[in-house]
């Protein structure tokens, strides 16, 4: 049985009811720090409706993006305050995510040596040594 092709739908016309549900969703999204499922519950919609809004309503997407940035700003403020209090794990996280341009990046180096008759990959340790220790 062949699947029926569904034509893409264009931008949506937003009714007052839809706009009210979108506002409930955005409020629930912010209250639950970006948890989509809980935001859908708050607006009494299913995820498919949320994804439809994302694809078809650029104004909804813009409002949602603004709320995401507000959530990120608030979380960043909390992180900075904790880092100032000496939270070393948070300082490491902050450096790895916000200071990459300054060289704070974890890197893993893998080298491989190839010869004509066999392939040898060097991961920085010798398998023979680890087997002998067992």
Protein backbone atom coordinates (compact mmCIF):
# COMPACT_ATOMS: atom_id res chain seq x y z
CA UNK A 1 0.00 0.00 0.00
CA UNK A 2 1.52 3.33 -1.04
CA UNK A 3 1.68 6.13 1.45
CA UNK A 4 -0.31 9.20 0.67
CA UNK A 5 1.80 12.34 0.36
CA UNK A 6 0.68 15.23 2.51
CA UNK A 7 1.21 18.68 1.08
CA UNK A 8 3.16 21.02 3.33
CA UNK A 9 0.95 23.44 5.15
CA UNK A 10 1.60 27.15 4.99
CA UNK A 11 1.75 29.72 7.75
CA UNK A 12 -1.11 29.41 10.17
CA UNK A 13 -3.83 31.87 10.93
CA UNK A 14 -3.75 32.25 14.71
CA UNK A 15 -7.13 32.42 16.41
CA UNK A 16 -7.66 34.00 19.82
CA UNK A 17 -8.04 30.49 21.31
CA UNK A 18 -4.77 29.32 19.77
CA UNK A 19 -2.96 32.45 20.93
CA UNK A 20 -4.23 31.85 24.49
CA UNK A 21 -3.01 28.24 24.40
CA UNK A 22 0.34 29.39 23.03
CA UNK A 23 0.69 31.84 25.91
CA UNK A 24 -0.15 29.06 28.41
CA UNK A 25 2.48 26.88 26.71
CA UNK A 26 5.14 29.60 26.87
CA UNK A 27 4.33 30.31 30.53
CA UNK A 28 4.54 26.57 31.33
CA UNK A 29 7.76 26.31 29.33
CA UNK A 30 9.37 29.09 31.36
CA UNK A 31 8.01 27.86 34.69
CA UNK A 32 9.43 24.37 34.02
CA UNK A 33 12.79 25.60 32.66
CA UNK A 34 12.16 24.51 29.09
CA UNK A 35 10.49 21.14 29.72
CA UNK A 36 8.33 20.66 26.61
CA UNK A 37 6.14 17.89 28.04
CA UNK A 38 5.17 19.91 31.09
CA UNK A 39 4.56 22.99 28.96
CA UNK A 40 2.24 20.94 26.73
CA UNK A 41 0.35 19.78 29.84
CA UNK A 42 0.04 23.38 31.05
CA UNK A 43 -1.50 24.41 27.72
CA UNK A 44 -3.58 21.22 27.42
CA UNK A 45 -2.08 20.35 24.03
CA UNK A 46 -0.15 17.42 22.64
CA UNK A 47 3.40 17.54 21.31
CA UNK A 48 2.19 17.38 17.70
CA UNK A 49 0.42 20.72 18.20
CA UNK A 50 3.59 22.23 19.64
CA UNK A 51 5.65 21.00 16.65
CA UNK A 52 2.98 22.30 14.27
CA UNK A 53 3.17 25.73 15.89
CA UNK A 54 6.96 25.64 15.60
CA UNK A 55 6.79 24.94 11.88
CA UNK A 56 3.93 27.22 10.96
CA UNK A 57 3.88 30.20 13.33
CA UNK A 58 7.01 32.38 13.21
CA UNK A 59 5.62 34.74 15.87
CA UNK A 60 5.25 31.80 18.29
CA UNK A 61 8.80 30.71 17.50
CA UNK A 62 10.09 34.23 18.19
CA UNK A 63 8.24 34.45 21.53
CA UNK A 64 9.52 31.00 22.49
CA UNK A 65 13.09 31.92 21.53
CA UNK A 66 12.85 35.06 23.68
CA UNK A 67 11.70 32.93 26.62
CA UNK A 68 14.56 30.45 26.06
CA UNK A 69 17.04 33.33 26.13
CA UNK A 70 15.47 34.63 29.36
CA UNK A 71 15.78 31.16 30.94
CA UNK A 72 19.41 30.97 29.81
CA UNK A 73 20.14 34.44 31.20
CA UNK A 74 18.67 33.48 34.58
CA UNK A 75 20.59 30.20 34.72
CA UNK A 76 23.79 31.95 33.70
CA UNK A 77 23.32 34.44 36.53
CA UNK A 78 22.98 31.57 39.03
CA UNK A 79 26.08 29.87 37.58
CA UNK A 80 28.17 33.02 37.88
CA UNK A 81 27.09 33.48 41.51
CA UNK A 82 28.03 29.85 42.33
CA UNK A 83 31.35 30.17 40.50
CA UNK A 84 32.16 33.26 42.57
CA UNK A 85 31.54 31.17 45.70
CA UNK A 86 34.21 28.69 44.55
CA UNK A 87 32.18 25.86 43.01
CA UNK A 88 35.10 24.17 41.21
CA UNK A 89 32.95 21.80 39.13
CA UNK A 90 30.92 24.73 37.92
CA UNK A 91 34.08 26.70 37.16
CA UNK A 92 35.36 23.81 35.01
CA UNK A 93 32.02 23.56 33.24
CA UNK A 94 31.93 27.31 32.67
CA UNK A 95 35.46 27.31 31.24
CA UNK A 96 34.71 24.38 28.89
CA UNK A 97 31.47 25.88 27.58
CA UNK A 98 31.92 29.65 27.73
CA UNK A 99 35.70 30.01 27.31
CA UNK A 100 36.48 27.64 24.44
CA UNK A 101 37.90 30.52 22.44
CA UNK A 102 40.54 30.86 25.16
CA UNK A 103 41.65 27.24 24.89
CA UNK A 104 39.58 25.62 27.63
CA UNK A 105 38.61 22.55 25.61
CA UNK A 106 38.89 18.89 26.43
CA UNK A 107 40.55 17.04 23.61
CA UNK A 108 41.16 13.39 22.99
CA UNK A 109 44.04 12.52 20.72
CA UNK A 110 44.00 9.28 18.77
CA UNK A 111 46.96 8.31 16.65
CA UNK A 112 47.22 5.47 14.21
CA UNK A 113 50.21 3.90 12.56
CA UNK A 114 49.73 2.03 9.31
CA UNK A 115 52.26 -0.41 7.84
CA UNK A 116 52.20 -2.23 4.52
CA UNK A 117 51.21 -5.68 5.83
CA UNK A 118 49.11 -4.91 8.86
CA UNK A 119 47.18 -2.06 10.39
CA UNK A 120 48.12 -0.89 13.85
CA UNK A 121 46.16 1.69 15.82
CA UNK A 122 47.79 3.30 18.83
CA UNK A 123 45.40 4.62 21.48
CA UNK A 124 48.12 5.78 23.84
CA UNK A 125 48.41 2.51 25.80
CA UNK A 126 49.71 -0.96 25.06
CA UNK A 127 47.16 -3.79 25.19
CA UNK A 128 49.96 -6.24 26.10
CA UNK A 129 50.74 -4.30 29.27
CA UNK A 130 47.09 -4.28 30.42
CA UNK A 131 46.73 -8.06 29.82
CA UNK A 132 49.87 -8.83 31.81
CA UNK A 133 48.53 -6.90 34.83
CA UNK A 134 45.38 -9.06 35.04
